[in-house]
Amino acid sequence: MLDLDRATVQFHSPGGPAVRAVDGVSLHVPAGQFVVVIGTNGSGKSTLQGAIAGTVRLSSGRIAVAGHDITNWSQHARAGLVGRVFQDPRAGTAGSLSVLENLAVAACRGRFPGLGWATSRRLRDEAAARLGRIVPGLESRLDQPIGSMSGGQRQIVTLLMATWHRPELLLLDEHTAALDPAAADRVVRATAELIRAGRLTALMVTHSLAQAASLGDRLILVHRGRIELDVEGAAKRRLTADDLADRFDALRRTDQLDDAAARTLADLYI
C-alpha cells in the first residue's frame, strides 16, 4: 500500500551545514495497517509525513501509494489517494459553512460541480448516520455552522470528511495536539472506530506516548531522520507508555554523549 524507498529530505540553512530531516528511510506499510509514528521534536516524523502528503519534496528516493509512484506528484494530485487531518481543527473545514455543507464538499469530491445532489435528503440521511455511529448525538447538529463547534467536534467532522470516500492512505498529523484531554480522548476513539470500520491504511503522527502505546497495529519511532524502532503484532501490544519513555530517555542520553564527544574533538583541534 505505502512504500518508501530510501526517502531522503535534506535542508540547507544559509551558512550552515546540510541537515537530513529524513535520512534514507525505507518502509513498507501493507493495506489495512494502522501505524503510529512518534519521535522527539525535530526527529523528522512530521517531515516524513509531509513528504508522503506532497507538502515536502524528496531530495532523493521514491514514494509509492497503492502501486502508484507519487514521488513527483503535486499535493493536489495526491489528494485523490491520500486523506489528511491536521493539528489545527480549523485547517480541514470551512468555518462559515454548516456541518452538512462541509460534509457535502467532501462527498462531492470527484463529482460534477454543484451542491444540488450534495444537499439532497439522501446525503443528509447518510451524513446523519455516519456522524451518529461515531459520536451519538452529533448527527442532530448538521445545520449548525461548523465554526461554532468545539475543536474536538470540528476535528471529528474533519475526520469524517477525510475518510468519506475511503482514501488509500489516511495521514493524521498530531490531530489531537491542540485539544484538551477530554476532547482528545473523544477524537482518538472516533479515529480508532473510523479506521477499524473502514479497514483503512493509516499513518498517525503523535506526541502522546499513551496514544502511541494503546493505538494502532504497528509503532515506528523516528530519531534524527531515521527509524530507530519498528514493532508490530505481539511486541507492539506489550509496549507501555513507560517503555516508550525509557526509550526516549536512552536516545537523549546518547545524543548528549554524541554532543559531548563532538565538543571534545572540536577543543582538540582549536
C-alpha atoms as a PDB file:
ATOM      1  CA  MET A   1       0.000   0.000   0.000  1.00  0.00           C
ATOM      2  CA  LEU A   2       2.609   2.565   1.125  1.00  0.00           C
ATOM      3  CA  ASP A   3       6.208   2.059   0.053  1.00  0.00           C
ATOM      4  CA  LEU A   4       9.144   4.348   0.748  1.00  0.00           C
ATOM      5  CA  ASP A   5      12.472   3.523  -0.882  1.00  0.00           C
ATOM      6  CA  ARG A   6      15.479   5.363   0.618  1.00  0.00           C
ATOM      7  CA  ALA A   7      13.410   8.517   1.051  1.00  0.00           C
ATOM      8  CA  THR A   8      15.616  11.500   1.906  1.00  0.00           C
ATOM      9  CA  VAL A   9      14.760  15.111   2.658  1.00  0.00           C
ATOM     10  CA  GLN A  10      17.725  17.435   3.016  1.00  0.00           C
ATOM     11  CA  PHE A  11      17.529  21.066   4.064  1.00  0.00           C
ATOM     12  CA  HIS A  12      20.219  23.715   3.593  1.00  0.00           C
ATOM     13  CA  SER A  13      20.462  26.590   6.042  1.00  0.00           C
ATOM     14  CA  PRO A  14      22.300  29.758   4.933  1.00  0.00           C
ATOM     15  CA  GLY A  15      25.914  29.490   6.031  1.00  0.00           C
ATOM     16  CA  GLY A  16      25.286  26.223   7.860  1.00  0.00           C
ATOM     17  CA  PRO A  17      25.664  22.513   7.095  1.00  0.00           C
ATOM     18  CA  ALA A  18      23.061  20.496   5.227  1.00  0.00           C
ATOM     19  CA  VAL A  19      20.630  18.727   7.536  1.00  0.00           C
ATOM     20  CA  ARG A  20      18.882  15.477   6.646  1.00  0.00           C
ATOM     21  CA  ALA A  21      15.450  15.690   8.243  1.00  0.00           C
ATOM     22  CA  VAL A  22      14.611  12.337   6.651  1.00  0.00           C
ATOM     23  CA  ASP A  23      17.654  10.147   6.131  1.00  0.00           C
ATOM     24  CA  GLY A  24      17.283   7.294   3.663  1.00  0.00           C
ATOM     25  CA  VAL A  25      14.070   5.837   5.091  1.00  0.00           C
ATOM     26  CA  SER A  26      12.734   2.640   3.525  1.00  0.00           C
ATOM     27  CA  LEU A  27       9.345   1.460   4.732  1.00  0.00           C
ATOM     28  CA  HIS A  28       6.526  -0.843   3.622  1.00  0.00           C
ATOM     29  CA  VAL A  29       3.036  -0.466   5.100  1.00  0.00           C
ATOM     30  CA  PRO A  30       0.565  -3.148   3.924  1.00  0.00           C
ATOM     31  CA  ALA A  31      -3.075  -2.381   3.216  1.00  0.00           C
ATOM     32  CA  GLY A  32      -5.240  -2.073   6.316  1.00  0.00           C
ATOM     33  CA  GLN A  33      -2.419  -1.431   8.767  1.00  0.00           C
ATOM     34  CA  PHE A  34      -2.672   1.364  11.366  1.00  0.00           C
ATOM     35  CA  VAL A  35       0.819   2.751  12.027  1.00  0.00           C
ATOM     36  CA  VAL A  36       1.621   5.176  14.848  1.00  0.00           C
ATOM     37  CA  VAL A  37       4.736   7.340  14.437  1.00  0.00           C
ATOM     38  CA  ILE A  38       6.475   9.013  17.370  1.00  0.00           C
ATOM     39  CA  GLY A  39       9.701  10.947  17.879  1.00  0.00           C
ATOM     40  CA  THR A  40      11.188  13.894  19.711  1.00  0.00           C
ATOM     41  CA  ASN A  41      10.854  17.452  18.375  1.00  0.00           C
ATOM     42  CA  GLY A  42      12.992  17.740  15.275  1.00  0.00           C
ATOM     43  CA  SER A  43      13.198  13.978  14.801  1.00  0.00           C
ATOM     44  CA  GLY A  44      11.785  14.156  11.267  1.00  0.00           C
ATOM     45  CA  LYS A  45       8.423  12.464  11.883  1.00  0.00           C
ATOM     46  CA  SER A  46       6.318  15.364  10.568  1.00  0.00           C
ATOM     47  CA  THR A  47       8.700  15.953   7.671  1.00  0.00           C
ATOM     48  CA  LEU A  48       8.333  12.293   6.733  1.00  0.00           C
ATOM     49  CA  GLN A  49       4.553  12.612   6.696  1.00  0.00           C
ATOM     50  CA  GLY A  50       4.778  15.875   4.757  1.00  0.00           C
ATOM     51  CA  ALA A  51       6.886  14.103   2.131  1.00  0.00           C
ATOM     52  CA  ILE A  52       4.167  11.465   1.730  1.00  0.00           C
ATOM     53  CA  ALA A  53       1.445  14.132   1.514  1.00  0.00           C
ATOM     54  CA  GLY A  54       3.404  16.204  -1.011  1.00  0.00           C
ATOM     55  CA  THR A  55       3.947  19.338   1.096  1.00  0.00           C
ATOM     56  CA  VAL A  56       7.656  18.480   1.327  1.00  0.00           C
ATOM     57  CA  ARG A  57       9.667  17.394  -1.699  1.00  0.00           C
ATOM     58  CA  LEU A  58      12.085  14.490  -1.512  1.00  0.00           C
ATOM     59  CA  SER A  59      15.743  15.250  -2.169  1.00  0.00           C
ATOM     60  CA  SER A  60      16.138  11.641  -3.308  1.00  0.00           C
ATOM     61  CA  GLY A  61      14.317   8.333  -3.072  1.00  0.00           C
ATOM     62  CA  ARG A  62      10.853   7.171  -4.037  1.00  0.00           C
ATOM     63  CA  ILE A  63       7.308   7.067  -2.626  1.00  0.00           C
ATOM     64  CA  ALA A  64       4.507   4.817  -3.871  1.00  0.00           C
ATOM     65  CA  VAL A  65       0.884   4.566  -2.708  1.00  0.00           C
ATOM     66  CA  ALA A  66      -1.401   1.745  -3.874  1.00  0.00           C
ATOM     67  CA  GLY A  67       1.048   0.865  -6.637  1.00  0.00           C
ATOM     68  CA  HIS A  68       1.320   4.444  -7.957  1.00  0.00           C
ATOM     69  CA  ASP A  69       4.710   6.131  -7.925  1.00  0.00           C
ATOM     70  CA  ILE A  70       3.731   9.524  -6.483  1.00  0.00           C
ATOM     71  CA  THR A  71       7.252  10.853  -5.927  1.00  0.00           C
ATOM     72  CA  ASN A  72       6.794  13.710  -8.373  1.00  0.00           C
ATOM     73  CA  TRP A  73       3.045  14.205  -7.979  1.00  0.00           C
ATOM     74  CA  SER A  74       1.713  17.503  -6.679  1.00  0.00           C
ATOM     75  CA  GLN A  75      -0.075  17.699  -3.341  1.00  0.00           C
ATOM     76  CA  HIS A  76      -3.359  18.210  -5.238  1.00  0.00           C
ATOM     77  CA  ALA A  77      -2.816  15.098  -7.369  1.00  0.00           C
ATOM     78  CA  ARG A  78      -2.042  13.006  -4.275  1.00  0.00           C
ATOM     79  CA  ALA A  79      -5.326  14.079  -2.677  1.00  0.00           C
ATOM     80  CA  GLY A  80      -7.087  11.511  -4.853  1.00  0.00           C
ATOM     81  CA  LEU A  81      -5.271   8.774  -2.955  1.00  0.00           C
ATOM     82  CA  VAL A  82      -4.402  10.376   0.373  1.00  0.00           C
ATOM     83  CA  GLY A  83      -6.680  11.845   3.052  1.00  0.00           C
ATOM     84  CA  ARG A  84      -5.141  14.087   5.717  1.00  0.00           C
ATOM     85  CA  VAL A  85      -6.174  15.566   9.053  1.00  0.00           C
ATOM     86  CA  PHE A  86      -4.075  18.366  10.536  1.00  0.00           C
ATOM     87  CA  GLN A  87      -3.283  19.503  14.066  1.00  0.00           C
ATOM     88  CA  ASP A  88      -5.449  22.627  13.781  1.00  0.00           C
ATOM     89  CA  PRO A  89      -9.160  21.691  13.762  1.00  0.00           C
ATOM     90  CA  ARG A  90      -9.834  24.709  11.534  1.00  0.00           C
ATOM     91  CA  ALA A  91      -7.488  23.542   8.778  1.00  0.00           C
ATOM     92  CA  GLY A  92      -9.762  20.969   7.143  1.00  0.00           C
ATOM     93  CA  THR A  93     -13.117  22.763   7.282  1.00  0.00           C
ATOM     94  CA  ALA A  94     -14.815  25.999   6.193  1.00  0.00           C
ATOM     95  CA  GLY A  95     -15.975  27.787   9.336  1.00  0.00           C
ATOM     96  CA  SER A  96     -18.822  29.725   7.684  1.00  0.00           C
ATOM     97  CA  LEU A  97     -20.470  26.581   6.288  1.00  0.00           C
ATOM     98  CA  SER A  98     -22.696  24.200   8.214  1.00  0.00           C
ATOM     99  CA  VAL A  99     -21.619  20.708   9.210  1.00  0.00           C
ATOM    100  CA  LEU A 100     -23.703  19.265   6.365  1.00  0.00           C
ATOM    101  CA  GLU A 101     -22.258  21.697   3.810  1.00  0.00           C
ATOM    102  CA  ASN A 102     -18.723  20.789   4.867  1.00  0.00           C
ATOM    103  CA  LEU A 103     -19.538  17.108   4.525  1.00  0.00           C
ATOM    104  CA  ALA A 104     -21.111  17.871   1.138  1.00  0.00           C
ATOM    105  CA  VAL A 105     -17.815  19.302  -0.082  1.00  0.00           C
ATOM    106  CA  ALA A 106     -16.116  16.007   0.813  1.00  0.00           C
ATOM    107  CA  ALA A 107     -18.956  13.907  -0.630  1.00  0.00           C
ATOM    108  CA  CYS A 108     -18.912  15.839  -3.928  1.00  0.00           C
ATOM    109  CA  ARG A 109     -15.199  15.391  -4.488  1.00  0.00           C
ATOM    110  CA  GLY A 110     -14.801  13.885  -7.936  1.00  0.00           C
ATOM    111  CA  ARG A 111     -18.405  14.667  -8.969  1.00  0.00           C
ATOM    112  CA  PHE A 112     -19.726  17.358 -11.303  1.00  0.00           C
ATOM    113  CA  PRO A 113     -19.855  20.877  -9.785  1.00  0.00           C
ATOM    114  CA  GLY A 114     -22.925  21.933  -7.890  1.00  0.00           C
ATOM    115  CA  LEU A 115     -24.390  21.254  -4.472  1.00  0.00           C
ATOM    116  CA  GLY A 116     -27.814  20.083  -5.644  1.00  0.00           C
ATOM    117  CA  TRP A 117     -27.017  16.416  -5.079  1.00  0.00           C
ATOM    118  CA  ALA A 118     -24.932  17.230  -2.025  1.00  0.00           C
ATOM    119  CA  THR A 119     -27.771  18.876  -0.131  1.00  0.00           C
ATOM    120  CA  SER A 120     -30.289  16.182  -1.019  1.00  0.00           C
ATOM    121  CA  ARG A 121     -32.188  14.159   1.563  1.00  0.00           C
ATOM    122  CA  ARG A 122     -30.078  11.118   0.698  1.00  0.00           C
ATOM    123  CA  LEU A 123     -26.849  12.848   1.658  1.00  0.00           C
ATOM    124  CA  ARG A 124     -28.411  14.325   4.808  1.00  0.00           C
ATOM    125  CA  ASP A 125     -29.519  10.856   5.897  1.00  0.00           C
ATOM    126  CA  GLU A 126     -26.116   9.351   5.136  1.00  0.00           C
ATOM    127  CA  ALA A 127     -24.254  12.162   6.932  1.00  0.00           C
ATOM    128  CA  ALA A 128     -26.504  11.770   9.984  1.00  0.00           C
ATOM    129  CA  ALA A 129     -25.944   8.020  10.028  1.00  0.00           C
ATOM    130  CA  ARG A 130     -22.166   8.308   9.764  1.00  0.00           C
ATOM    131  CA  LEU A 131     -21.896  11.001  12.430  1.00  0.00           C
ATOM    132  CA  GLY A 132     -24.232   9.109  14.743  1.00  0.00           C
ATOM    133  CA  ARG A 133     -22.122   5.970  14.517  1.00  0.00           C
ATOM    134  CA  ILE A 134     -19.011   7.857  15.603  1.00  0.00           C
ATOM    135  CA  VAL A 135     -20.464  10.229  18.219  1.00  0.00           C
ATOM    136  CA  PRO A 136     -24.129   9.606  19.079  1.00  0.00           C
ATOM    137  CA  GLY A 137     -25.984  12.929  19.205  1.00  0.00           C
ATOM    138  CA  LEU A 138     -23.681  14.797  16.826  1.00  0.00           C
ATOM    139  CA  GLU A 139     -25.996  13.955  13.922  1.00  0.00           C
ATOM    140  CA  SER A 140     -28.537  16.443  15.308  1.00  0.00           C
ATOM    141  CA  ARG A 141     -26.159  19.332  14.564  1.00  0.00           C
ATOM    142  CA  LEU A 142     -25.933  19.036  10.786  1.00  0.00           C
ATOM    143  CA  ASP A 143     -27.272  22.562  10.231  1.00  0.00           C
ATOM    144  CA  GLN A 144     -25.003  24.225  12.798  1.00  0.00           C
ATOM    145  CA  PRO A 145     -22.175  26.408  11.434  1.00  0.00           C
ATOM    146  CA  ILE A 146     -19.063  24.340  11.985  1.00  0.00           C
ATOM    147  CA  GLY A 147     -17.177  27.436  13.165  1.00  0.00           C
ATOM    148  CA  SER A 148     -19.358  27.494  16.298  1.00  0.00           C
ATOM    149  CA  MET A 149     -18.474  23.931  17.307  1.00  0.00           C
ATOM    150  CA  SER A 150     -15.793  22.915  19.782  1.00  0.00           C
ATOM    151  CA  GLY A 151     -12.370  21.942  18.482  1.00  0.00           C
ATOM    152  CA  GLY A 152     -12.977  18.275  19.229  1.00  0.00           C
ATOM    153  CA  GLN A 153     -16.342  18.208  17.443  1.00  0.00           C
ATOM    154  CA  ARG A 154     -14.886  20.029  14.477  1.00  0.00           C
ATOM    155  CA  GLN A 155     -11.984  17.581  14.299  1.00  0.00           C
ATOM    156  CA  ILE A 156     -14.398  14.649  14.259  1.00  0.00           C
ATOM    157  CA  VAL A 157     -16.211  16.201  11.275  1.00  0.00           C
ATOM    158  CA  THR A 158     -12.819  16.698   9.611  1.00  0.00           C
ATOM    159  CA  LEU A 159     -12.034  13.016  10.168  1.00  0.00           C
ATOM    160  CA  LEU A 160     -15.309  12.052   8.535  1.00  0.00           C
ATOM    161  CA  MET A 161     -14.600  14.368   5.596  1.00  0.00           C
ATOM    162  CA  ALA A 162     -11.104  12.905   5.111  1.00  0.00           C
ATOM    163  CA  THR A 163     -12.442   9.345   5.074  1.00  0.00           C
ATOM    164  CA  TRP A 164     -15.765   9.862   3.282  1.00  0.00           C
ATOM    165  CA  HIS A 165     -14.527   8.196   0.071  1.00  0.00           C
ATOM    166  CA  ARG A 166     -12.185   5.727   1.836  1.00  0.00           C
ATOM    167  CA  PRO A 167      -8.754   7.019   0.822  1.00  0.00           C
ATOM    168  CA  GLU A 168      -5.987   4.593   0.001  1.00  0.00           C
ATOM    169  CA  LEU A 169      -3.970   6.179   2.829  1.00  0.00           C
ATOM    170  CA  LEU A 170      -5.064   8.319   5.777  1.00  0.00           C
ATOM    171  CA  LEU A 171      -2.466  10.693   7.295  1.00  0.00           C
ATOM    172  CA  LEU A 172      -3.080  12.052  10.800  1.00  0.00           C
ATOM    173  CA  ASP A 173      -0.699  14.856  11.709  1.00  0.00           C
ATOM    174  CA  GLU A 174      -0.802  15.201  15.533  1.00  0.00           C
ATOM    175  CA  HIS A 175      -4.535  15.742  15.096  1.00  0.00           C
ATOM    176  CA  THR A 176      -5.280  15.790  18.839  1.00  0.00           C
ATOM    177  CA  ALA A 177      -2.375  18.007  19.941  1.00  0.00           C
ATOM    178  CA  ALA A 178      -4.427  21.224  20.022  1.00  0.00           C
ATOM    179  CA  LEU A 179      -7.291  19.713  22.051  1.00  0.00           C
ATOM    180  CA  ASP A 180      -7.912  19.459  25.775  1.00  0.00           C
ATOM    181  CA  PRO A 181      -7.533  15.929  27.236  1.00  0.00           C
ATOM    182  CA  ALA A 182     -11.256  15.109  27.241  1.00  0.00           C
ATOM    183  CA  ALA A 183     -11.732  16.254  23.630  1.00  0.00           C
ATOM    184  CA  ALA A 184      -8.533  14.480  22.562  1.00  0.00           C
ATOM    185  CA  ASP A 185      -9.853  11.246  24.055  1.00  0.00           C
ATOM    186  CA  ARG A 186     -13.123  11.564  22.126  1.00  0.00           C
ATOM    187  CA  VAL A 187     -11.261  12.231  18.873  1.00  0.00           C
ATOM    188  CA  VAL A 188      -8.936   9.278  19.489  1.00  0.00           C
ATOM    189  CA  ARG A 189     -11.931   6.961  19.988  1.00  0.00           C
ATOM    190  CA  ALA A 190     -13.544   8.309  16.816  1.00  0.00           C
ATOM    191  CA  THR A 191     -10.289   7.845  14.923  1.00  0.00           C
ATOM    192  CA  ALA A 192      -9.914   4.235  16.016  1.00  0.00           C
ATOM    193  CA  GLU A 193     -13.544   3.494  15.102  1.00  0.00           C
ATOM    194  CA  LEU A 194     -13.282   5.040  11.617  1.00  0.00           C
ATOM    195  CA  ILE A 195     -10.050   3.200  10.842  1.00  0.00           C
ATOM    196  CA  ARG A 196     -11.398  -0.104  12.158  1.00  0.00           C
ATOM    197  CA  ALA A 197     -14.792   0.148  10.431  1.00  0.00           C
ATOM    198  CA  GLY A 198     -13.300   1.274   7.117  1.00  0.00           C
ATOM    199  CA  ARG A 199     -10.289  -1.083   7.305  1.00  0.00           C
ATOM    200  CA  LEU A 200      -8.191   1.933   6.413  1.00  0.00           C
ATOM    201  CA  THR A 201      -4.456   2.135   5.989  1.00  0.00           C
ATOM    202  CA  ALA A 202      -3.368   4.925   8.321  1.00  0.00           C
ATOM    203  CA  LEU A 203      -0.199   6.689   9.440  1.00  0.00           C
ATOM    204  CA  MET A 204      -0.666   8.744  12.614  1.00  0.00           C
ATOM    205  CA  VAL A 205       1.998  11.074  13.979  1.00  0.00           C
ATOM    206  CA  THR A 206       1.548  11.789  17.685  1.00  0.00           C
ATOM    207  CA  HIS A 207       3.438  13.331  20.606  1.00  0.00           C
ATOM    208  CA  SER A 208       1.423  11.297  23.117  1.00  0.00           C
ATOM    209  CA  LEU A 209       3.194   8.204  24.433  1.00  0.00           C
ATOM    210  CA  ALA A 210      -0.113   6.945  25.854  1.00  0.00           C
ATOM    211  CA  GLN A 211      -1.707   7.105  22.395  1.00  0.00           C
ATOM    212  CA  ALA A 212       1.356   5.512  20.823  1.00  0.00           C
ATOM    213  CA  ALA A 213       1.219   2.584  23.235  1.00  0.00           C
ATOM    214  CA  SER A 214      -2.544   1.986  23.052  1.00  0.00           C
ATOM    215  CA  LEU A 215      -3.365   2.667  19.389  1.00  0.00           C
ATOM    216  CA  GLY A 216      -2.502   1.001  16.130  1.00  0.00           C
ATOM    217  CA  ASP A 217      -1.107  -2.282  14.861  1.00  0.00           C
ATOM    218  CA  ARG A 218       2.447  -1.024  14.492  1.00  0.00           C
ATOM    219  CA  LEU A 219       4.683   1.588  16.075  1.00  0.00           C
ATOM    220  CA  ILE A 220       7.597   3.419  14.493  1.00  0.00           C
ATOM    221  CA  LEU A 221       9.977   5.632  16.452  1.00  0.00           C
ATOM    222  CA  VAL A 222      11.864   8.184  14.338  1.00  0.00           C
ATOM    223  CA  HIS A 223      15.082   9.797  15.549  1.00  0.00           C
ATOM    224  CA  ARG A 224      17.411  12.090  13.630  1.00  0.00           C
ATOM    225  CA  GLY A 225      15.564  11.294  10.423  1.00  0.00           C
ATOM    226  CA  ARG A 226      15.892   7.516  10.753  1.00  0.00           C
ATOM    227  CA  ILE A 227      13.685   4.710  12.018  1.00  0.00           C
ATOM    228  CA  GLU A 228      15.101   3.627  15.382  1.00  0.00           C
ATOM    229  CA  LEU A 229      12.288   1.282  16.402  1.00  0.00           C
ATOM    230  CA  ASP A 230       9.713  -0.604  14.338  1.00  0.00           C
ATOM    231  CA  VAL A 231       7.439  -3.043  16.195  1.00  0.00           C
ATOM    232  CA  GLU A 232       4.110  -4.666  15.438  1.00  0.00           C
ATOM    233  CA  GLY A 233       1.914  -7.549  16.498  1.00  0.00           C
ATOM    234  CA  ALA A 234       2.511  -9.013  19.959  1.00  0.00           C
ATOM    235  CA  ALA A 235       5.621  -6.864  20.504  1.00  0.00           C
ATOM    236  CA  LYS A 236       3.551  -3.733  19.863  1.00  0.00           C
ATOM    237  CA  ARG A 237       0.768  -4.869  22.171  1.00  0.00           C
ATOM    238  CA  ARG A 238       3.238  -5.420  25.013  1.00  0.00           C
ATOM    239  CA  LEU A 239       4.587  -1.869  24.801  1.00  0.00           C
ATOM    240  CA  THR A 240       3.589   0.609  27.504  1.00  0.00           C
ATOM    241  CA  ALA A 241       3.935   4.372  27.708  1.00  0.00           C
ATOM    242  CA  ASP A 242       6.682   3.834  30.331  1.00  0.00           C
ATOM    243  CA  ASP A 243       8.590   1.592  27.894  1.00  0.00           C
ATOM    244  CA  LEU A 244       8.498   4.348  25.299  1.00  0.00           C
ATOM    245  CA  ALA A 245       9.537   6.988  27.843  1.00  0.00           C
ATOM    246  CA  ASP A 246      12.564   4.832  28.732  1.00  0.00           C
ATOM    247  CA  ARG A 247      13.436   4.544  25.046  1.00  0.00           C
ATOM    248  CA  PHE A 248      13.260   8.338  24.656  1.00  0.00           C
ATOM    249  CA  ASP A 249      15.489   8.824  27.711  1.00  0.00           C
ATOM    250  CA  ALA A 250      18.058   6.423  26.235  1.00  0.00           C
ATOM    251  CA  LEU A 251      18.076   8.339  22.945  1.00  0.00           C
ATOM    252  CA  ARG A 252      18.517  11.650  24.777  1.00  0.00           C
ATOM    253  CA  ARG A 253      21.464  10.251  26.755  1.00  0.00           C
ATOM    254  CA  THR A 254      23.052   9.025  23.537  1.00  0.00           C
ATOM    255  CA  ASP A 255      22.572  12.449  21.962  1.00  0.00           C
ATOM    256  CA  GLN A 256      24.197  14.120  24.952  1.00  0.00           C
ATOM    257  CA  LEU A 257      27.189  11.760  24.733  1.00  0.00           C
ATOM    258  CA  ASP A 258      27.492  12.408  20.995  1.00  0.00           C
ATOM    259  CA  ASP A 259      27.383  16.180  21.553  1.00  0.00           C
ATOM    260  CA  ALA A 260      29.955  15.949  24.339  1.00  0.00           C
ATOM    261  CA  ALA A 261      32.277  13.899  22.124  1.00  0.00           C
ATOM    262  CA  ALA A 262      31.902  16.410  19.301  1.00  0.00           C
ATOM    263  CA  ARG A 263      32.777  19.294  21.634  1.00  0.00           C
ATOM    264  CA  THR A 264      35.830  17.392  22.902  1.00  0.00           C
ATOM    265  CA  LEU A 265      37.078  16.788  19.377  1.00  0.00           C
ATOM    266  CA  ALA A 266      36.484  20.428  18.485  1.00  0.00           C
ATOM    267  CA  ASP A 267      38.523  21.518  21.520  1.00  0.00           C
ATOM    268  CA  LEU A 268      41.396  19.260  20.491  1.00  0.00           C
ATOM    269  CA  TYR A 269      41.661  20.922  17.090  1.00  0.00           C
ATOM    270  CA  ILE A 270      41.332  24.527  18.226  1.00  0.00           C
END
